[in-house]
Amino acid sequence: MAYIPLMNALKTFVVAGKYLNFTKAAEELLVSPSAVSHQIKTLEEYLEVRLFSRTSRSMLLTDEGYRLYTSLDEPFKAIASAVRNVMEVKQQANLHIALRPFFSVSWLAPRLKNFWVKNSEIQVDLIHRNSAPDFSAENIDAAILWGKGEWPGAEAQRLIPGDLTPVCSPAFLKEAGRIHHPEDLAGHTFIHDTDYAPWREWLDLAGVEKIRCESGLIYDDTNVRLQAILNGQGIMLGCPLLLQKELKEGSLVRLFDLELTDYAYYIAWPDFKEPDRKTATFIDWISKEAELLIR
């Protein structure tokens, strides 16, 4: 490749030639006007020609400056376009995964290193949200969703059982008194997810339909809900599989053996197209990681 001298000075010259104003050129280049002037002077001395003629009111390109500008303008535009294309391709190569913050913190993030070690060419972008994405309208390749397995426009594969059972902190239990039977939950503060349905379903399963659970506190982020429980604010439905650390340490207490088994975490992707290579690689990896946990 031929040596191109004073590349930075040439770039500065092209920008200055576009604006015919060193101050405006400096703003685009994020340098000072004096730095622009210095680069132009260096280039003029190297070429031994004047590139700009200056009057009291304006700045113009000399004949030599005009010839150089018209020769360099399109090549520099082509370079900028090539750089943008590479960046766009890289962005398209990123894997965009939507998921709940709690699942990300408690389970996925600690394991992602295992994925990167084997697939270092795939950049993973985690997009934290509680709602399911609209795959037809959003730039989401796959999503880890909590629910019963059915979402419009999505194919879903079950990952981790989300069996739910009441949990609270030892401090709450000490203040509230012993809770031996589901009927003993009456009068206590229920902590909810986005709605009351899971608690209603668990109480129905326990055979205590008369307890009114449509009250209490709603926290749509499980991280916040868990912190509220640890602070002794009430009782929530938790997934023992994902709360093993807290249950083992004793910061959480499981109240009953009965579990609501209707919910789970799923890996989902658009139902109108086959997963591309990077998405299929991630689906395969996370499925195997989930199998290891369940075992």
C-alpha atoms as a PDB file:
ATOM      1  CA  MET A   1       0.000   0.000   0.000  1.00  0.00           C
ATOM      2  CA  ALA A   2       1.280   3.449  -0.955  1.00  0.00           C
ATOM      3  CA  TYR A   3       2.331   5.700   1.888  1.00  0.00           C
ATOM      4  CA  ILE A   4      -0.086   8.601   2.415  1.00  0.00           C
ATOM      5  CA  PRO A   5       1.638  11.501   4.184  1.00  0.00           C
ATOM      6  CA  LEU A   6      -0.059  13.842   6.658  1.00  0.00           C
ATOM      7  CA  MET A   7      -3.347  11.898   6.767  1.00  0.00           C
ATOM      8  CA  ASN A   8      -4.661  13.907   9.712  1.00  0.00           C
ATOM      9  CA  ALA A   9      -3.805  17.172   7.981  1.00  0.00           C
ATOM     10  CA  LEU A  10      -5.554  15.988   4.798  1.00  0.00           C
ATOM     11  CA  LYS A  11      -8.690  15.093   6.764  1.00  0.00           C
ATOM     12  CA  THR A  12      -8.604  18.512   8.458  1.00  0.00           C
ATOM     13  CA  PHE A  13      -8.201  20.193   5.072  1.00  0.00           C
ATOM     14  CA  VAL A  14     -11.242  18.411   3.607  1.00  0.00           C
ATOM     15  CA  VAL A  15     -13.447  19.482   6.513  1.00  0.00           C
ATOM     16  CA  ALA A  16     -12.113  23.047   6.367  1.00  0.00           C
ATOM     17  CA  GLY A  17     -12.667  23.050   2.595  1.00  0.00           C
ATOM     18  CA  LYS A  18     -16.289  21.994   3.108  1.00  0.00           C
ATOM     19  CA  TYR A  19     -17.088  24.850   5.487  1.00  0.00           C
ATOM     20  CA  LEU A  20     -14.517  27.445   4.337  1.00  0.00           C
ATOM     21  CA  ASN A  21     -14.401  28.313   8.007  1.00  0.00           C
ATOM     22  CA  PHE A  22     -11.831  27.075  10.505  1.00  0.00           C
ATOM     23  CA  THR A  23     -14.139  27.559  13.494  1.00  0.00           C
ATOM     24  CA  LYS A  24     -16.886  25.368  12.005  1.00  0.00           C
ATOM     25  CA  ALA A  25     -14.302  22.799  10.937  1.00  0.00           C
ATOM     26  CA  ALA A  26     -12.942  22.738  14.481  1.00  0.00           C
ATOM     27  CA  GLU A  27     -16.433  22.074  15.865  1.00  0.00           C
ATOM     28  CA  GLU A  28     -16.885  19.025  13.605  1.00  0.00           C
ATOM     29  CA  LEU A  29     -13.398  17.721  14.328  1.00  0.00           C
ATOM     30  CA  LEU A  30     -13.722  18.395  18.075  1.00  0.00           C
ATOM     31  CA  VAL A  31     -10.506  20.396  18.172  1.00  0.00           C
ATOM     32  CA  SER A  32      -9.652  24.073  18.560  1.00  0.00           C
ATOM     33  CA  PRO A  33      -9.589  26.523  15.600  1.00  0.00           C
ATOM     34  CA  SER A  34      -5.860  27.009  16.218  1.00  0.00           C
ATOM     35  CA  ALA A  35      -5.332  23.243  15.818  1.00  0.00           C
ATOM     36  CA  VAL A  36      -7.111  23.398  12.444  1.00  0.00           C
ATOM     37  CA  SER A  37      -4.970  26.356  11.399  1.00  0.00           C
ATOM     38  CA  HIS A  38      -1.816  24.478  12.453  1.00  0.00           C
ATOM     39  CA  GLN A  39      -2.755  21.388  10.411  1.00  0.00           C
ATOM     40  CA  ILE A  40      -3.494  23.497   7.310  1.00  0.00           C
ATOM     41  CA  LYS A  41      -0.203  25.358   7.677  1.00  0.00           C
ATOM     42  CA  THR A  42       1.690  22.052   8.007  1.00  0.00           C
ATOM     43  CA  LEU A  43       0.017  20.718   4.846  1.00  0.00           C
ATOM     44  CA  GLU A  44       0.724  23.913   2.885  1.00  0.00           C
ATOM     45  CA  GLU A  45       4.379  23.809   3.882  1.00  0.00           C
ATOM     46  CA  TYR A  46       4.626  20.140   2.877  1.00  0.00           C
ATOM     47  CA  LEU A  47       2.981  20.758  -0.516  1.00  0.00           C
ATOM     48  CA  GLU A  48       4.679  24.156  -0.960  1.00  0.00           C
ATOM     49  CA  VAL A  49       1.425  25.725  -2.156  1.00  0.00           C
ATOM     50  CA  ARG A  50      -1.259  27.901  -0.607  1.00  0.00           C
ATOM     51  CA  LEU A  51      -4.570  26.094  -0.192  1.00  0.00           C
ATOM     52  CA  PHE A  52      -6.743  28.972   1.067  1.00  0.00           C
ATOM     53  CA  SER A  53      -6.897  32.646   0.207  1.00  0.00           C
ATOM     54  CA  ARG A  54      -8.213  34.891   2.907  1.00  0.00           C
ATOM     55  CA  THR A  55      -9.914  38.253   2.700  1.00  0.00           C
ATOM     56  CA  SER A  56     -11.310  40.431   5.442  1.00  0.00           C
ATOM     57  CA  ARG A  57     -14.769  38.902   4.985  1.00  0.00           C
ATOM     58  CA  SER A  58     -14.306  35.416   3.624  1.00  0.00           C
ATOM     59  CA  MET A  59     -12.084  32.419   2.980  1.00  0.00           C
ATOM     60  CA  LEU A  60     -11.777  30.763  -0.412  1.00  0.00           C
ATOM     61  CA  LEU A  61      -9.905  27.815  -1.846  1.00  0.00           C
ATOM     62  CA  THR A  62      -7.035  28.647  -4.169  1.00  0.00           C
ATOM     63  CA  ASP A  63      -6.865  26.878  -7.522  1.00  0.00           C
ATOM     64  CA  GLU A  64      -4.481  24.332  -6.019  1.00  0.00           C
ATOM     65  CA  GLY A  65      -6.705  24.013  -2.948  1.00  0.00           C
ATOM     66  CA  TYR A  66      -9.800  23.444  -5.095  1.00  0.00           C
ATOM     67  CA  ARG A  67      -8.081  20.700  -7.114  1.00  0.00           C
ATOM     68  CA  LEU A  68      -6.932  18.977  -3.936  1.00  0.00           C
ATOM     69  CA  TYR A  69     -10.348  19.297  -2.290  1.00  0.00           C
ATOM     70  CA  THR A  70     -12.270  17.844  -5.238  1.00  0.00           C
ATOM     71  CA  SER A  71      -9.783  14.964  -5.419  1.00  0.00           C
ATOM     72  CA  LEU A  72     -10.030  14.146  -1.711  1.00  0.00           C
ATOM     73  CA  ASP A  73     -13.692  14.806  -0.878  1.00  0.00           C
ATOM     74  CA  GLU A  74     -15.169  11.661  -2.418  1.00  0.00           C
ATOM     75  CA  PRO A  75     -12.416   9.296  -1.138  1.00  0.00           C
ATOM     76  CA  PHE A  76     -12.917  10.568   2.426  1.00  0.00           C
ATOM     77  CA  LYS A  77     -16.691  10.133   2.055  1.00  0.00           C
ATOM     78  CA  ALA A  78     -16.038   6.572   0.857  1.00  0.00           C
ATOM     79  CA  ILE A  79     -13.836   5.917   3.898  1.00  0.00           C
ATOM     80  CA  ALA A  80     -16.536   7.245   6.242  1.00  0.00           C
ATOM     81  CA  SER A  81     -19.147   5.110   4.486  1.00  0.00           C
ATOM     82  CA  ALA A  82     -16.987   1.992   4.784  1.00  0.00           C
ATOM     83  CA  VAL A  83     -16.515   2.577   8.520  1.00  0.00           C
ATOM     84  CA  ARG A  84     -20.279   3.056   8.994  1.00  0.00           C
ATOM     85  CA  ASN A  85     -21.010  -0.139   7.086  1.00  0.00           C
ATOM     86  CA  VAL A  86     -18.657  -2.144   9.286  1.00  0.00           C
ATOM     87  CA  MET A  87     -20.250  -0.684  12.416  1.00  0.00           C
ATOM     88  CA  GLU A  88     -23.761  -1.432  11.130  1.00  0.00           C
ATOM     89  CA  VAL A  89     -22.829  -5.011  10.317  1.00  0.00           C
ATOM     90  CA  LYS A  90     -21.349  -5.381  13.797  1.00  0.00           C
ATOM     91  CA  GLN A  91     -24.527  -3.982  15.338  1.00  0.00           C
ATOM     92  CA  GLN A  92     -26.619  -6.427  13.302  1.00  0.00           C
ATOM     93  CA  ALA A  93     -24.375  -9.234  14.540  1.00  0.00           C
ATOM     94  CA  ASN A  94     -25.191  -8.387  18.145  1.00  0.00           C
ATOM     95  CA  LEU A  95     -27.568 -10.737  19.909  1.00  0.00           C
ATOM     96  CA  HIS A  96     -30.413  -8.809  21.547  1.00  0.00           C
ATOM     97  CA  ILE A  97     -31.978 -10.688  24.476  1.00  0.00           C
ATOM     98  CA  ALA A  98     -34.944  -9.290  26.433  1.00  0.00           C
ATOM     99  CA  LEU A  99     -35.416 -10.610  29.967  1.00  0.00           C
ATOM    100  CA  ARG A 100     -36.533  -9.793  33.481  1.00  0.00           C
ATOM    101  CA  PRO A 101     -33.958  -8.049  35.710  1.00  0.00           C
ATOM    102  CA  PHE A 102     -34.281 -10.664  38.484  1.00  0.00           C
ATOM    103  CA  PHE A 103     -33.566 -13.588  36.158  1.00  0.00           C
ATOM    104  CA  SER A 104     -30.632 -11.689  34.711  1.00  0.00           C
ATOM    105  CA  VAL A 105     -29.078 -10.941  38.116  1.00  0.00           C
ATOM    106  CA  SER A 106     -29.858 -14.203  39.898  1.00  0.00           C
ATOM    107  CA  TRP A 107     -29.245 -16.717  37.131  1.00  0.00           C
ATOM    108  CA  LEU A 108     -28.141 -15.620  33.670  1.00  0.00           C
ATOM    109  CA  ALA A 109     -25.421 -13.025  34.308  1.00  0.00           C
ATOM    110  CA  PRO A 110     -23.226 -15.338  36.443  1.00  0.00           C
ATOM    111  CA  ARG A 111     -23.302 -17.917  33.620  1.00  0.00           C
ATOM    112  CA  LEU A 112     -22.788 -15.673  30.589  1.00  0.00           C
ATOM    113  CA  LYS A 113     -19.026 -16.012  30.819  1.00  0.00           C
ATOM    114  CA  ASN A 114     -19.447 -19.659  29.839  1.00  0.00           C
ATOM    115  CA  PHE A 115     -21.234 -18.547  26.667  1.00  0.00           C
ATOM    116  CA  TRP A 116     -18.643 -15.900  25.756  1.00  0.00           C
ATOM    117  CA  VAL A 117     -15.748 -18.302  26.223  1.00  0.00           C
ATOM    118  CA  LYS A 118     -17.172 -20.565  23.517  1.00  0.00           C
ATOM    119  CA  ASN A 119     -18.758 -17.860  21.338  1.00  0.00           C
ATOM    120  CA  SER A 120     -16.527 -14.810  21.639  1.00  0.00           C
ATOM    121  CA  GLU A 121     -17.632 -13.546  18.205  1.00  0.00           C
ATOM    122  CA  ILE A 122     -21.220 -13.009  19.438  1.00  0.00           C
ATOM    123  CA  GLN A 123     -21.856  -9.776  21.325  1.00  0.00           C
ATOM    124  CA  VAL A 124     -24.767 -10.237  23.746  1.00  0.00           C
ATOM    125  CA  ASP A 125     -26.938  -7.213  24.544  1.00  0.00           C
ATOM    126  CA  LEU A 126     -29.236  -7.768  27.545  1.00  0.00           C
ATOM    127  CA  ILE A 127     -32.394  -5.650  27.481  1.00  0.00           C
ATOM    128  CA  HIS A 128     -34.078  -5.647  30.885  1.00  0.00           C
ATOM    129  CA  ARG A 129     -37.857  -5.496  30.950  1.00  0.00           C
ATOM    130  CA  ASN A 130     -40.810  -7.336  32.479  1.00  0.00           C
ATOM    131  CA  SER A 131     -43.133  -7.384  29.470  1.00  0.00           C
ATOM    132  CA  ALA A 132     -42.889  -9.717  26.483  1.00  0.00           C
ATOM    133  CA  PRO A 133     -41.492  -8.037  23.360  1.00  0.00           C
ATOM    134  CA  ASP A 134     -43.316  -7.524  20.076  1.00  0.00           C
ATOM    135  CA  PHE A 135     -40.922  -9.476  17.875  1.00  0.00           C
ATOM    136  CA  SER A 136     -42.468  -8.045  14.699  1.00  0.00           C
ATOM    137  CA  ALA A 137     -41.799  -4.447  15.739  1.00  0.00           C
ATOM    138  CA  GLU A 138     -38.715  -4.578  17.980  1.00  0.00           C
ATOM    139  CA  ASN A 139     -35.085  -5.480  17.385  1.00  0.00           C
ATOM    140  CA  ILE A 140     -35.185  -8.455  19.752  1.00  0.00           C
ATOM    141  CA  ASP A 141     -33.730 -11.827  18.722  1.00  0.00           C
ATOM    142  CA  ALA A 142     -34.974 -13.820  21.698  1.00  0.00           C
ATOM    143  CA  ALA A 143     -36.532 -13.270  25.103  1.00  0.00           C
ATOM    144  CA  ILE A 144     -36.527 -15.059  28.443  1.00  0.00           C
ATOM    145  CA  LEU A 145     -40.130 -14.810  29.601  1.00  0.00           C
ATOM    146  CA  TRP A 146     -41.990 -15.649  32.789  1.00  0.00           C
ATOM    147  CA  GLY A 147     -45.452 -17.120  32.472  1.00  0.00           C
ATOM    148  CA  LYS A 148     -47.430 -20.109  31.283  1.00  0.00           C
ATOM    149  CA  GLY A 149     -45.810 -20.552  27.870  1.00  0.00           C
ATOM    150  CA  GLU A 150     -48.078 -18.720  25.437  1.00  0.00           C
ATOM    151  CA  TRP A 151     -47.285 -15.339  23.908  1.00  0.00           C
ATOM    152  CA  PRO A 152     -48.623 -13.934  20.605  1.00  0.00           C
ATOM    153  CA  GLY A 153     -46.092 -14.052  17.784  1.00  0.00           C
ATOM    154  CA  ALA A 154     -43.628 -16.232  19.695  1.00  0.00           C
ATOM    155  CA  GLU A 155     -42.393 -19.785  19.825  1.00  0.00           C
ATOM    156  CA  ALA A 156     -41.454 -20.726  23.382  1.00  0.00           C
ATOM    157  CA  GLN A 157     -39.424 -23.513  24.979  1.00  0.00           C
ATOM    158  CA  ARG A 158     -39.596 -24.180  28.711  1.00  0.00           C
ATOM    159  CA  LEU A 159     -36.328 -23.524  30.520  1.00  0.00           C
ATOM    160  CA  ILE A 160     -36.696 -23.514  34.292  1.00  0.00           C
ATOM    161  CA  PRO A 161     -39.715 -24.438  36.400  1.00  0.00           C
ATOM    162  CA  GLY A 162     -41.052 -21.447  38.280  1.00  0.00           C
ATOM    163  CA  ASP A 163     -42.824 -23.381  41.025  1.00  0.00           C
ATOM    164  CA  LEU A 164     -44.185 -20.828  43.489  1.00  0.00           C
ATOM    165  CA  THR A 165     -44.618 -21.074  47.231  1.00  0.00           C
ATOM    166  CA  PRO A 166     -44.964 -18.485  50.046  1.00  0.00           C
ATOM    167  CA  VAL A 167     -41.715 -17.164  51.527  1.00  0.00           C
ATOM    168  CA  CYS A 168     -40.934 -14.454  54.068  1.00  0.00           C
ATOM    169  CA  SER A 169     -38.106 -13.274  56.284  1.00  0.00           C
ATOM    170  CA  PRO A 170     -37.411 -14.645  59.797  1.00  0.00           C
ATOM    171  CA  ALA A 171     -37.986 -11.124  61.148  1.00  0.00           C
ATOM    172  CA  PHE A 172     -41.458 -10.999  59.634  1.00  0.00           C
ATOM    173  CA  LEU A 173     -42.276 -14.444  60.987  1.00  0.00           C
ATOM    174  CA  LYS A 174     -41.080 -13.489  64.452  1.00  0.00           C
ATOM    175  CA  GLU A 175     -43.310 -10.426  64.518  1.00  0.00           C
ATOM    176  CA  ALA A 176     -46.322 -12.044  62.837  1.00  0.00           C
ATOM    177  CA  GLY A 177     -46.281 -15.247  64.854  1.00  0.00           C
ATOM    178  CA  ARG A 178     -46.137 -18.776  63.585  1.00  0.00           C
ATOM    179  CA  ILE A 179     -47.872 -19.634  60.332  1.00  0.00           C
ATOM    180  CA  HIS A 180     -48.673 -23.357  60.400  1.00  0.00           C
ATOM    181  CA  HIS A 181     -51.472 -23.616  57.843  1.00  0.00           C
ATOM    182  CA  PRO A 182     -52.470 -21.701  54.702  1.00  0.00           C
ATOM    183  CA  GLU A 183     -55.469 -20.355  56.633  1.00  0.00           C
ATOM    184  CA  ASP A 184     -52.994 -18.559  58.916  1.00  0.00           C
ATOM    185  CA  LEU A 185     -52.067 -16.246  56.016  1.00  0.00           C
ATOM    186  CA  ALA A 186     -55.288 -14.310  56.521  1.00  0.00           C
ATOM    187  CA  GLY A 187     -54.682 -10.741  57.628  1.00  0.00           C
ATOM    188  CA  HIS A 188     -51.028 -10.658  56.564  1.00  0.00           C
ATOM    189  CA  THR A 189     -49.526  -8.414  53.865  1.00  0.00           C
ATOM    190  CA  PHE A 190     -49.293 -10.072  50.464  1.00  0.00           C
ATOM    191  CA  ILE A 191     -46.531  -8.863  48.124  1.00  0.00           C
ATOM    192  CA  HIS A 192     -47.542  -9.210  44.467  1.00  0.00           C
ATOM    193  CA  ASP A 193     -45.934  -9.215  41.038  1.00  0.00           C
ATOM    194  CA  THR A 194     -47.787  -7.301  38.305  1.00  0.00           C
ATOM    195  CA  ASP A 195     -51.204  -8.642  39.355  1.00  0.00           C
ATOM    196  CA  TYR A 196     -52.982 -10.734  41.975  1.00  0.00           C
ATOM    197  CA  ALA A 197     -53.414 -13.882  39.851  1.00  0.00           C
ATOM    198  CA  PRO A 198     -50.528 -16.059  41.176  1.00  0.00           C
ATOM    199  CA  TRP A 199     -51.494 -15.523  44.810  1.00  0.00           C
ATOM    200  CA  ARG A 200     -55.166 -16.245  44.039  1.00  0.00           C
ATOM    201  CA  GLU A 201     -54.169 -19.432  42.220  1.00  0.00           C
ATOM    202  CA  TRP A 202     -51.932 -20.624  45.062  1.00  0.00           C
ATOM    203  CA  LEU A 203     -54.625 -19.987  47.696  1.00  0.00           C
ATOM    204  CA  ASP A 204     -57.181 -21.833  45.564  1.00  0.00           C
ATOM    205  CA  LEU A 205     -54.746 -24.733  45.252  1.00  0.00           C
ATOM    206  CA  ALA A 206     -54.339 -24.715  49.045  1.00  0.00           C
ATOM    207  CA  GLY A 207     -58.106 -24.820  49.450  1.00  0.00           C
ATOM    208  CA  VAL A 208     -58.485 -21.466  51.191  1.00  0.00           C
ATOM    209  CA  GLU A 209     -60.543 -19.562  48.648  1.00  0.00           C
ATOM    210  CA  LYS A 210     -62.051 -17.319  51.352  1.00  0.00           C
ATOM    211  CA  ILE A 211     -58.805 -15.451  52.066  1.00  0.00           C
ATOM    212  CA  ARG A 212     -58.819 -12.088  50.281  1.00  0.00           C
ATOM    213  CA  CYS A 213     -55.451 -11.569  48.622  1.00  0.00           C
ATOM    214  CA  GLU A 214     -56.457  -8.708  46.303  1.00  0.00           C
ATOM    215  CA  SER A 215     -54.663  -6.197  48.505  1.00  0.00           C
ATOM    216  CA  GLY A 216     -51.146  -5.537  49.717  1.00  0.00           C
ATOM    217  CA  LEU A 217     -48.215  -4.219  47.689  1.00  0.00           C
ATOM    218  CA  ILE A 218     -47.375  -4.626  43.992  1.00  0.00           C
ATOM    219  CA  TYR A 219     -43.733  -4.559  42.856  1.00  0.00           C
ATOM    220  CA  ASP A 220     -43.249  -5.482  39.198  1.00  0.00           C
ATOM    221  CA  ASP A 221     -39.488  -6.043  39.658  1.00  0.00           C
ATOM    222  CA  THR A 222     -38.670  -9.244  41.536  1.00  0.00           C
ATOM    223  CA  ASN A 223     -35.418  -7.723  42.806  1.00  0.00           C
ATOM    224  CA  VAL A 224     -37.428  -5.002  44.552  1.00  0.00           C
ATOM    225  CA  ARG A 225     -40.030  -7.493  45.717  1.00  0.00           C
ATOM    226  CA  LEU A 226     -37.363  -9.720  47.213  1.00  0.00           C
ATOM    227  CA  GLN A 227     -35.740  -6.792  48.996  1.00  0.00           C
ATOM    228  CA  ALA A 228     -39.113  -5.845  50.452  1.00  0.00           C
ATOM    229  CA  ILE A 229     -39.501  -9.376  51.783  1.00  0.00           C
ATOM    230  CA  LEU A 230     -35.984  -9.399  53.246  1.00  0.00           C
ATOM    231  CA  ASN A 231     -36.889  -6.125  54.979  1.00  0.00           C
ATOM    232  CA  GLY A 232     -39.868  -7.819  56.610  1.00  0.00           C
ATOM    233  CA  GLN A 233     -42.614  -6.049  54.661  1.00  0.00           C
ATOM    234  CA  GLY A 234     -44.769  -9.123  53.977  1.00  0.00           C
ATOM    235  CA  ILE A 235     -45.017 -12.504  52.255  1.00  0.00           C
ATOM    236  CA  MET A 236     -44.405 -13.201  48.569  1.00  0.00           C
ATOM    237  CA  LEU A 237     -44.591 -16.175  46.258  1.00  0.00           C
ATOM    238  CA  GLY A 238     -41.059 -17.220  45.396  1.00  0.00           C
ATOM    239  CA  CYS A 239     -39.380 -19.846  43.288  1.00  0.00           C
ATOM    240  CA  PRO A 240     -37.258 -22.047  45.599  1.00  0.00           C
ATOM    241  CA  LEU A 241     -35.043 -23.116  42.708  1.00  0.00           C
ATOM    242  CA  LEU A 242     -33.895 -19.520  42.187  1.00  0.00           C
ATOM    243  CA  LEU A 243     -33.862 -18.623  45.874  1.00  0.00           C
ATOM    244  CA  GLN A 244     -31.615 -21.474  47.013  1.00  0.00           C
ATOM    245  CA  LYS A 245     -28.945 -19.117  48.361  1.00  0.00           C
ATOM    246  CA  GLU A 246     -31.368 -17.091  50.512  1.00  0.00           C
ATOM    247  CA  LEU A 247     -33.167 -20.200  51.784  1.00  0.00           C
ATOM    248  CA  LYS A 248     -29.902 -21.949  52.627  1.00  0.00           C
ATOM    249  CA  GLU A 249     -28.494 -18.897  54.427  1.00  0.00           C
ATOM    250  CA  GLY A 250     -31.725 -18.459  56.345  1.00  0.00           C
ATOM    251  CA  SER A 251     -32.491 -14.926  55.172  1.00  0.00           C
ATOM    252  CA  LEU A 252     -35.712 -16.374  53.718  1.00  0.00           C
ATOM    253  CA  VAL A 253     -38.083 -18.911  55.235  1.00  0.00           C
ATOM    254  CA  ARG A 254     -40.240 -21.227  53.193  1.00  0.00           C
ATOM    255  CA  LEU A 255     -43.661 -21.533  54.848  1.00  0.00           C
ATOM    256  CA  PHE A 256     -45.183 -24.577  53.091  1.00  0.00           C
ATOM    257  CA  ASP A 257     -44.265 -27.501  50.854  1.00  0.00           C
ATOM    258  CA  LEU A 258     -47.191 -26.815  48.499  1.00  0.00           C
ATOM    259  CA  GLU A 259     -46.076 -25.313  45.175  1.00  0.00           C
ATOM    260  CA  LEU A 260     -47.989 -23.749  42.312  1.00  0.00           C
ATOM    261  CA  THR A 261     -46.510 -25.400  39.216  1.00  0.00           C
ATOM    262  CA  ASP A 262     -48.258 -23.451  36.435  1.00  0.00           C
ATOM    263  CA  TYR A 263     -45.456 -20.946  35.850  1.00  0.00           C
ATOM    264  CA  ALA A 264     -41.956 -21.225  34.389  1.00  0.00           C
ATOM    265  CA  TYR A 265     -39.196 -19.315  32.629  1.00  0.00           C
ATOM    266  CA  TYR A 266     -39.202 -19.811  28.858  1.00  0.00           C
ATOM    267  CA  ILE A 267     -36.820 -18.946  26.048  1.00  0.00           C
ATOM    268  CA  ALA A 268     -38.883 -17.450  23.214  1.00  0.00           C
ATOM    269  CA  TRP A 269     -38.192 -16.251  19.671  1.00  0.00           C
ATOM    270  CA  PRO A 270     -40.263 -14.973  16.704  1.00  0.00           C
ATOM    271  CA  ASP A 271     -42.677 -17.554  15.318  1.00  0.00           C
ATOM    272  CA  PHE A 272     -42.536 -16.092  11.808  1.00  0.00           C
ATOM    273  CA  LYS A 273     -38.917 -17.006  11.095  1.00  0.00           C
ATOM    274  CA  GLU A 274     -36.300 -19.580  12.006  1.00  0.00           C
ATOM    275  CA  PRO A 275     -33.690 -18.417  14.549  1.00  0.00           C
ATOM    276  CA  ASP A 276     -30.488 -17.294  12.838  1.00  0.00           C
ATOM    277  CA  ARG A 277     -27.144 -18.842  13.720  1.00  0.00           C
ATOM    278  CA  LYS A 278     -26.326 -16.614  16.690  1.00  0.00           C
ATOM    279  CA  THR A 279     -29.826 -16.940  18.149  1.00  0.00           C
ATOM    280  CA  ALA A 280     -29.881 -20.708  17.674  1.00  0.00           C
ATOM    281  CA  THR A 281     -26.460 -20.931  19.347  1.00  0.00           C
ATOM    282  CA  PHE A 282     -27.754 -19.007  22.370  1.00  0.00           C
ATOM    283  CA  ILE A 283     -30.958 -21.052  22.604  1.00  0.00           C
ATOM    284  CA  ASP A 284     -28.977 -24.285  22.540  1.00  0.00           C
ATOM    285  CA  TRP A 285     -26.528 -23.017  25.178  1.00  0.00           C
ATOM    286  CA  ILE A 286     -29.117 -21.669  27.624  1.00  0.00           C
ATOM    287  CA  SER A 287     -31.208 -24.833  27.283  1.00  0.00           C
ATOM    288  CA  LYS A 288     -28.235 -26.943  28.323  1.00  0.00           C
ATOM    289  CA  GLU A 289     -27.448 -24.594  31.227  1.00  0.00           C
ATOM    290  CA  ALA A 290     -31.043 -24.880  32.421  1.00  0.00           C
ATOM    291  CA  GLU A 291     -30.838 -28.683  32.263  1.00  0.00           C
ATOM    292  CA  LEU A 292     -27.777 -28.602  34.514  1.00  0.00           C
ATOM    293  CA  LEU A 293     -29.671 -26.516  37.090  1.00  0.00           C
ATOM    294  CA  ILE A 294     -32.702 -28.783  37.115  1.00  0.00           C
ATOM    295  CA  ARG A 295     -30.551 -31.880  37.607  1.00  0.00           C
END
